[in-house]
Amino acid sequence: MNRDVYQFGAALASGIVFGFGLSLSGMLNPARVQGFLDILGSWDPSLAFVLGGAVVVAFIGVQVMKLMRHPAFDDTFHVPTIRRIDAPLVIGSAVFGLGWGIGGFCPGPAVASLALGLPRTVLFVIAMLVGMTLHDRLWSRRT
């Protein structure tokens, strides 16, 4: 089999595990996410354990990656090389945080939540895609 089939299979398996984990952890429920973000109101700290678990898994993955010469289905690892904190990073983080707080979704859970068929989720994903498209078109003019 060629490398593309293996890459697709690995991406599909990873996406299924990720989506199942999001569902199991409650990240597909916008009210639960907003409850986690409401630190001055009725704060729901349960998602802190989800985030902590994600940090542990990511840390282990990075350590394993450092031991490997190359990924299983590619020639090189594709990791960010820019390490500076600049205005686009801060502004983008703020916009992401606002969207997460207002909508109760970040991109991964929003796409996974489409399976529930809720109109609010569909509207959020459409708005997210429009925003991403506008950003790409405007940003490509700047660079």
N, C-alpha and C. Protein backbone atom coordinates (compact mmCIF):
# COMPACT_ATOMS: atom_id res chain seq x y z
N MET A 1 0.84 -1.18 0.00
CA MET A 1 0.00 0.00 0.00
C MET A 1 0.88 1.24 0.00
N ASN A 2 0.37 2.30 -0.58
CA ASN A 2 1.20 3.50 -0.63
C ASN A 2 1.03 4.35 0.63
N ARG A 3 1.92 5.30 0.77
CA ARG A 3 1.98 6.14 1.97
C ARG A 3 0.70 6.95 2.18
N ASP A 4 0.05 7.40 1.11
CA ASP A 4 -1.17 8.21 1.23
C ASP A 4 -2.28 7.44 1.95
N VAL A 5 -2.41 6.16 1.66
CA VAL A 5 -3.43 5.34 2.30
C VAL A 5 -3.14 5.23 3.79
N TYR A 6 -1.89 5.01 4.14
CA TYR A 6 -1.51 4.93 5.56
C TYR A 6 -1.72 6.26 6.28
N GLN A 7 -1.37 7.36 5.61
CA GLN A 7 -1.58 8.68 6.21
C GLN A 7 -3.06 8.93 6.43
N PHE A 8 -3.89 8.59 5.45
CA PHE A 8 -5.33 8.77 5.59
C PHE A 8 -5.87 7.91 6.73
N GLY A 9 -5.45 6.67 6.78
CA GLY A 9 -5.91 5.76 7.84
C GLY A 9 -5.50 6.25 9.23
N ALA A 10 -4.26 6.72 9.34
CA ALA A 10 -3.78 7.24 10.63
C ALA A 10 -4.56 8.50 11.02
N ALA A 11 -4.81 9.38 10.06
CA ALA A 11 -5.58 10.60 10.34
C ALA A 11 -7.01 10.26 10.73
N LEU A 12 -7.61 9.31 10.04
CA LEU A 12 -8.98 8.91 10.35
C LEU A 12 -9.07 8.29 11.75
N ALA A 13 -8.15 7.40 12.07
CA ALA A 13 -8.14 6.77 13.40
C ALA A 13 -7.92 7.82 14.49
N SER A 14 -6.99 8.74 14.25
CA SER A 14 -6.73 9.80 15.24
C SER A 14 -7.96 10.67 15.43
N GLY A 15 -8.63 11.01 14.34
CA GLY A 15 -9.84 11.84 14.42
C GLY A 15 -10.96 11.14 15.17
N ILE A 16 -11.11 9.85 14.95
CA ILE A 16 -12.15 9.09 15.66
C ILE A 16 -11.86 9.06 17.15
N VAL A 17 -10.61 8.79 17.52
CA VAL A 17 -10.24 8.77 18.94
C VAL A 17 -10.43 10.16 19.56
N PHE A 18 -10.01 11.19 18.84
CA PHE A 18 -10.15 12.56 19.33
C PHE A 18 -11.61 12.92 19.52
N GLY A 19 -12.45 12.64 18.54
CA GLY A 19 -13.88 12.94 18.63
C GLY A 19 -14.54 12.17 19.76
N PHE A 20 -14.18 10.90 19.92
CA PHE A 20 -14.74 10.10 21.02
C PHE A 20 -14.32 10.69 22.36
N GLY A 21 -13.06 11.10 22.47
CA GLY A 21 -12.58 11.71 23.71
C GLY A 21 -13.30 13.02 24.01
N LEU A 22 -13.53 13.83 22.99
CA LEU A 22 -14.27 15.08 23.19
C LEU A 22 -15.68 14.81 23.68
N SER A 23 -16.32 13.82 23.08
CA SER A 23 -17.68 13.47 23.48
C SER A 23 -17.71 12.93 24.91
N LEU A 24 -16.81 12.02 25.21
CA LEU A 24 -16.76 11.41 26.54
C LEU A 24 -16.48 12.44 27.63
N SER A 25 -15.66 13.45 27.32
CA SER A 25 -15.26 14.43 28.32
C SER A 25 -16.28 15.55 28.53
N GLY A 26 -17.26 15.65 27.66
CA GLY A 26 -18.26 16.71 27.79
C GLY A 26 -17.93 17.97 27.02
N MET A 27 -16.86 17.94 26.23
CA MET A 27 -16.46 19.13 25.48
C MET A 27 -17.42 19.44 24.32
N LEU A 28 -18.34 18.55 24.01
CA LEU A 28 -19.32 18.83 22.95
C LEU A 28 -20.53 19.58 23.49
N ASN A 29 -20.57 19.79 24.79
CA ASN A 29 -21.70 20.49 25.41
C ASN A 29 -21.29 21.94 25.67
N PRO A 30 -21.79 22.90 24.88
CA PRO A 30 -21.39 24.29 25.06
C PRO A 30 -21.69 24.84 26.45
N ALA A 31 -22.78 24.39 27.07
CA ALA A 31 -23.12 24.87 28.40
C ALA A 31 -22.07 24.45 29.42
N ARG A 32 -21.54 23.25 29.25
CA ARG A 32 -20.49 22.77 30.17
C ARG A 32 -19.20 23.55 29.97
N VAL A 33 -18.87 23.83 28.72
CA VAL A 33 -17.67 24.61 28.43
C VAL A 33 -17.81 26.02 28.99
N GLN A 34 -18.96 26.64 28.77
CA GLN A 34 -19.18 27.98 29.29
C GLN A 34 -19.18 27.99 30.81
N GLY A 35 -19.67 26.91 31.44
CA GLY A 35 -19.61 26.80 32.89
C GLY A 35 -18.17 26.73 33.38
N PHE A 36 -17.30 26.09 32.61
CA PHE A 36 -15.89 26.02 32.96
C PHE A 36 -15.23 27.40 32.85
N LEU A 37 -15.65 28.16 31.84
CA LEU A 37 -15.06 29.48 31.62
C LEU A 37 -15.63 30.55 32.56
N ASP A 38 -16.73 30.27 33.24
CA ASP A 38 -17.38 31.24 34.14
C ASP A 38 -16.76 31.16 35.53
N ILE A 39 -15.52 31.64 35.65
CA ILE A 39 -14.79 31.50 36.92
C ILE A 39 -15.32 32.42 38.02
N LEU A 40 -16.06 33.45 37.66
CA LEU A 40 -16.61 34.36 38.67
C LEU A 40 -18.06 34.02 39.02
N GLY A 41 -18.65 33.07 38.32
CA GLY A 41 -20.04 32.68 38.57
C GLY A 41 -20.10 31.27 39.12
N SER A 42 -20.93 30.44 38.50
CA SER A 42 -21.05 29.05 38.93
C SER A 42 -20.04 28.20 38.15
N TRP A 43 -18.80 28.27 38.58
CA TRP A 43 -17.69 27.63 37.87
C TRP A 43 -17.79 26.12 37.95
N ASP A 44 -17.61 25.45 36.81
CA ASP A 44 -17.58 23.99 36.73
C ASP A 44 -16.14 23.57 36.43
N PRO A 45 -15.38 23.13 37.44
CA PRO A 45 -13.95 22.84 37.24
C PRO A 45 -13.66 21.50 36.56
N SER A 46 -14.68 20.73 36.20
CA SER A 46 -14.45 19.38 35.69
C SER A 46 -13.61 19.36 34.41
N LEU A 47 -13.75 20.37 33.56
CA LEU A 47 -12.98 20.37 32.32
C LEU A 47 -11.51 20.68 32.55
N ALA A 48 -11.15 21.15 33.73
CA ALA A 48 -9.73 21.35 34.05
C ALA A 48 -9.00 20.01 34.00
N PHE A 49 -9.68 18.94 34.40
CA PHE A 49 -9.08 17.61 34.33
C PHE A 49 -8.91 17.16 32.88
N VAL A 50 -9.87 17.53 32.04
CA VAL A 50 -9.76 17.22 30.61
C VAL A 50 -8.55 17.95 30.02
N LEU A 51 -8.43 19.23 30.32
CA LEU A 51 -7.31 20.02 29.81
C LEU A 51 -5.99 19.50 30.37
N GLY A 52 -5.97 19.15 31.65
CA GLY A 52 -4.76 18.59 32.25
C GLY A 52 -4.36 17.27 31.59
N GLY A 53 -5.35 16.43 31.33
CA GLY A 53 -5.08 15.17 30.63
C GLY A 53 -4.53 15.40 29.23
N ALA A 54 -5.07 16.40 28.54
CA ALA A 54 -4.59 16.73 27.20
C ALA A 54 -3.14 17.20 27.24
N VAL A 55 -2.80 17.99 28.25
CA VAL A 55 -1.42 18.47 28.39
C VAL A 55 -0.47 17.29 28.63
N VAL A 56 -0.88 16.35 29.46
CA VAL A 56 -0.04 15.18 29.74
C VAL A 56 0.17 14.35 28.46
N VAL A 57 -0.91 14.10 27.72
CA VAL A 57 -0.81 13.33 26.48
C VAL A 57 0.08 14.05 25.47
N ALA A 58 -0.10 15.36 25.33
CA ALA A 58 0.72 16.13 24.39
C ALA A 58 2.19 16.11 24.81
N PHE A 59 2.45 16.23 26.11
CA PHE A 59 3.83 16.20 26.60
C PHE A 59 4.49 14.86 26.26
N ILE A 60 3.78 13.77 26.51
CA ILE A 60 4.32 12.45 26.19
C ILE A 60 4.56 12.31 24.69
N GLY A 61 3.60 12.80 23.90
CA GLY A 61 3.76 12.73 22.44
C GLY A 61 4.97 13.49 21.95
N VAL A 62 5.23 14.67 22.51
CA VAL A 62 6.39 15.46 22.10
C VAL A 62 7.68 14.74 22.50
N GLN A 63 7.69 14.12 23.69
CA GLN A 63 8.88 13.40 24.12
C GLN A 63 9.16 12.21 23.21
N VAL A 64 8.13 11.48 22.83
CA VAL A 64 8.29 10.36 21.90
C VAL A 64 8.77 10.86 20.54
N MET A 65 8.19 11.98 20.08
CA MET A 65 8.59 12.55 18.79
C MET A 65 10.08 12.88 18.78
N LYS A 66 10.59 13.41 19.90
CA LYS A 66 12.01 13.77 19.98
C LYS A 66 12.92 12.56 19.85
N LEU A 67 12.42 11.39 20.19
CA LEU A 67 13.21 10.16 20.10
C LEU A 67 13.19 9.55 18.70
N MET A 68 12.23 9.97 17.89
CA MET A 68 12.08 9.40 16.55
C MET A 68 12.86 10.21 15.52
N ARG A 69 13.36 9.55 14.49
CA ARG A 69 14.06 10.24 13.41
C ARG A 69 13.08 10.91 12.46
N HIS A 70 11.93 10.27 12.22
CA HIS A 70 10.88 10.81 11.36
C HIS A 70 9.58 10.12 11.72
N PRO A 71 8.44 10.72 11.36
CA PRO A 71 7.16 10.07 11.65
C PRO A 71 7.00 8.77 10.86
N ALA A 72 6.06 7.97 11.27
CA ALA A 72 5.85 6.67 10.62
C ALA A 72 5.42 6.81 9.16
N PHE A 73 4.61 7.82 8.85
CA PHE A 73 4.05 7.92 7.50
C PHE A 73 4.41 9.22 6.79
N ASP A 74 5.54 9.81 7.12
CA ASP A 74 5.99 11.03 6.46
C ASP A 74 7.50 11.12 6.59
N ASP A 75 8.10 12.05 5.85
CA ASP A 75 9.55 12.20 5.89
C ASP A 75 10.03 13.07 7.04
N THR A 76 9.21 14.06 7.42
CA THR A 76 9.60 14.97 8.49
C THR A 76 8.39 15.27 9.38
N PHE A 77 8.69 15.74 10.59
CA PHE A 77 7.64 16.23 11.47
C PHE A 77 7.30 17.65 11.05
N HIS A 78 6.06 18.01 11.14
CA HIS A 78 5.61 19.35 10.79
C HIS A 78 5.24 20.08 12.07
N VAL A 79 6.22 20.72 12.67
CA VAL A 79 6.01 21.44 13.93
C VAL A 79 6.32 22.92 13.70
N PRO A 80 5.68 23.79 14.48
CA PRO A 80 5.94 25.23 14.33
C PRO A 80 7.41 25.55 14.62
N THR A 81 7.94 26.47 13.84
CA THR A 81 9.33 26.89 14.06
C THR A 81 9.42 28.29 14.65
N ILE A 82 8.37 29.09 14.51
CA ILE A 82 8.37 30.45 15.05
C ILE A 82 7.99 30.38 16.52
N ARG A 83 8.84 30.97 17.37
CA ARG A 83 8.63 30.87 18.81
C ARG A 83 8.36 32.23 19.47
N ARG A 84 8.29 33.29 18.68
CA ARG A 84 8.10 34.61 19.27
C ARG A 84 6.62 34.89 19.51
N ILE A 85 6.37 35.72 20.50
CA ILE A 85 5.01 36.16 20.79
C ILE A 85 4.84 37.54 20.16
N ASP A 86 3.97 37.63 19.14
CA ASP A 86 3.78 38.88 18.43
C ASP A 86 2.30 39.25 18.43
N ALA A 87 1.98 40.40 17.84
CA ALA A 87 0.60 40.91 17.84
C ALA A 87 -0.38 39.93 17.18
N PRO A 88 -0.07 39.35 16.01
CA PRO A 88 -1.04 38.42 15.42
C PRO A 88 -1.33 37.22 16.33
N LEU A 89 -0.33 36.74 17.05
CA LEU A 89 -0.55 35.62 17.96
C LEU A 89 -1.46 36.03 19.11
N VAL A 90 -1.21 37.18 19.70
CA VAL A 90 -2.01 37.65 20.84
C VAL A 90 -3.44 37.96 20.39
N ILE A 91 -3.60 38.64 19.26
CA ILE A 91 -4.93 38.98 18.76
C ILE A 91 -5.70 37.71 18.38
N GLY A 92 -5.02 36.81 17.70
CA GLY A 92 -5.67 35.55 17.33
C GLY A 92 -6.09 34.75 18.54
N SER A 93 -5.26 34.72 19.57
CA SER A 93 -5.62 34.02 20.81
C SER A 93 -6.83 34.66 21.47
N ALA A 94 -6.87 35.99 21.46
CA ALA A 94 -8.01 36.69 22.07
C ALA A 94 -9.29 36.41 21.29
N VAL A 95 -9.23 36.43 19.98
CA VAL A 95 -10.41 36.14 19.16
C VAL A 95 -10.86 34.70 19.39
N PHE A 96 -9.90 33.78 19.43
CA PHE A 96 -10.23 32.38 19.72
C PHE A 96 -10.93 32.26 21.07
N GLY A 97 -10.38 32.91 22.09
CA GLY A 97 -10.97 32.86 23.43
C GLY A 97 -12.36 33.45 23.47
N LEU A 98 -12.57 34.56 22.77
CA LEU A 98 -13.91 35.16 22.71
C LEU A 98 -14.91 34.21 22.04
N GLY A 99 -14.49 33.62 20.93
CA GLY A 99 -15.37 32.66 20.25
C GLY A 99 -15.67 31.46 21.11
N TRP A 100 -14.67 30.99 21.84
CA TRP A 100 -14.85 29.84 22.72
C TRP A 100 -15.83 30.18 23.84
N GLY A 101 -15.66 31.37 24.41
CA GLY A 101 -16.53 31.78 25.51
C GLY A 101 -17.95 32.07 25.08
N ILE A 102 -18.11 32.73 23.94
CA ILE A 102 -19.45 33.09 23.46
C ILE A 102 -20.19 31.87 22.92
N GLY A 103 -19.51 31.10 22.09
CA GLY A 103 -20.17 29.96 21.45
C GLY A 103 -20.11 28.68 22.25
N GLY A 104 -19.12 28.56 23.14
CA GLY A 104 -18.96 27.33 23.90
C GLY A 104 -18.26 26.23 23.14
N PHE A 105 -17.68 26.57 22.00
CA PHE A 105 -16.97 25.60 21.17
C PHE A 105 -15.61 26.13 20.78
N CYS A 106 -14.65 25.23 20.62
CA CYS A 106 -13.46 25.53 19.86
C CYS A 106 -13.57 24.67 18.59
N PRO A 107 -12.70 24.83 17.61
CA PRO A 107 -12.93 24.19 16.31
C PRO A 107 -13.13 22.68 16.33
N GLY A 108 -12.31 21.94 17.05
CA GLY A 108 -12.45 20.48 17.08
C GLY A 108 -13.80 20.02 17.60
N PRO A 109 -14.19 20.44 18.80
CA PRO A 109 -15.50 20.05 19.30
C PRO A 109 -16.66 20.56 18.45
N ALA A 110 -16.50 21.72 17.84
CA ALA A 110 -17.57 22.25 16.99
C ALA A 110 -17.83 21.31 15.82
N VAL A 111 -16.76 20.88 15.16
CA VAL A 111 -16.93 19.97 14.03
C VAL A 111 -17.48 18.63 14.50
N ALA A 112 -16.97 18.12 15.63
CA ALA A 112 -17.48 16.85 16.16
C ALA A 112 -18.96 16.97 16.54
N SER A 113 -19.36 18.14 17.02
CA SER A 113 -20.75 18.35 17.44
C SER A 113 -21.73 18.43 16.26
N LEU A 114 -21.21 18.56 15.05
CA LEU A 114 -22.10 18.56 13.89
C LEU A 114 -22.91 17.27 13.82
N ALA A 115 -22.34 16.19 14.37
CA ALA A 115 -23.03 14.90 14.36
C ALA A 115 -24.33 14.95 15.16
N LEU A 116 -24.45 15.91 16.08
CA LEU A 116 -25.66 16.03 16.88
C LEU A 116 -26.79 16.71 16.10
N GLY A 117 -26.44 17.45 15.04
CA GLY A 117 -27.44 18.07 14.18
C GLY A 117 -28.15 19.27 14.78
N LEU A 118 -27.56 19.92 15.76
CA LEU A 118 -28.19 21.08 16.37
C LEU A 118 -27.97 22.33 15.51
N PRO A 119 -29.03 23.11 15.27
CA PRO A 119 -28.89 24.31 14.43
C PRO A 119 -27.83 25.28 14.96
N ARG A 120 -27.74 25.44 16.28
CA ARG A 120 -26.76 26.36 16.87
C ARG A 120 -25.33 25.93 16.49
N THR A 121 -25.09 24.63 16.49
CA THR A 121 -23.77 24.11 16.14
C THR A 121 -23.47 24.36 14.66
N VAL A 122 -24.45 24.10 13.82
CA VAL A 122 -24.27 24.32 12.38
C VAL A 122 -23.96 25.80 12.12
N LEU A 123 -24.71 26.68 12.76
CA LEU A 123 -24.47 28.12 12.61
C LEU A 123 -23.07 28.50 13.08
N PHE A 124 -22.63 27.95 14.21
CA PHE A 124 -21.30 28.24 14.73
C PHE A 124 -20.23 27.80 13.74
N VAL A 125 -20.35 26.59 13.20
CA VAL A 125 -19.34 26.07 12.27
C VAL A 125 -19.32 26.90 10.99
N ILE A 126 -20.49 27.30 10.50
CA ILE A 126 -20.53 28.15 9.30
C ILE A 126 -19.84 29.48 9.59
N ALA A 127 -20.14 30.10 10.73
CA ALA A 127 -19.50 31.37 11.09
C ALA A 127 -17.99 31.18 11.25
N MET A 128 -17.58 30.07 11.84
CA MET A 128 -16.16 29.78 12.01
C MET A 128 -15.47 29.66 10.65
N LEU A 129 -16.07 28.94 9.73
CA LEU A 129 -15.49 28.77 8.40
C LEU A 129 -15.43 30.09 7.64
N VAL A 130 -16.47 30.91 7.76
CA VAL A 130 -16.47 32.23 7.12
C VAL A 130 -15.33 33.08 7.70
N GLY A 131 -15.21 33.08 9.02
CA GLY A 131 -14.12 33.83 9.66
C GLY A 131 -12.75 33.35 9.24
N MET A 132 -12.57 32.03 9.13
CA MET A 132 -11.28 31.49 8.70
C MET A 132 -10.98 31.88 7.25
N THR A 133 -12.00 31.83 6.41
CA THR A 133 -11.82 32.20 5.01
C THR A 133 -11.48 33.68 4.87
N LEU A 134 -12.22 34.53 5.59
CA LEU A 134 -11.92 35.97 5.57
C LEU A 134 -10.50 36.24 6.06
N HIS A 135 -10.12 35.59 7.13
CA HIS A 135 -8.76 35.78 7.65
C HIS A 135 -7.72 35.41 6.60
N ASP A 136 -7.89 34.24 5.99
CA ASP A 136 -6.91 33.81 4.99
C ASP A 136 -6.83 34.76 3.81
N ARG A 137 -7.97 35.26 3.37
CA ARG A 137 -7.96 36.19 2.23
C ARG A 137 -7.35 37.52 2.60
N LEU A 138 -7.67 38.05 3.79
CA LEU A 138 -7.11 39.32 4.23
C LEU A 138 -5.64 39.19 4.59
N TRP A 139 -5.27 38.12 5.24
CA TRP A 139 -3.89 37.93 5.67
C TRP A 139 -2.97 37.70 4.48
N SER A 140 -3.47 37.01 3.45
CA SER A 140 -2.62 36.74 2.28
C SER A 140 -2.30 38.04 1.54
N ARG A 141 -3.14 39.05 1.66
CA ARG A 141 -2.86 40.35 1.04
C ARG A 141 -1.73 41.06 1.77
N ARG A 142 -1.63 40.86 3.10
CA ARG A 142 -0.61 41.54 3.91
C ARG A 142 0.79 40.98 3.67
N THR A 143 0.86 39.68 3.40
CA THR A 143 2.18 39.04 3.29
C THR A 143 2.64 38.87 1.88
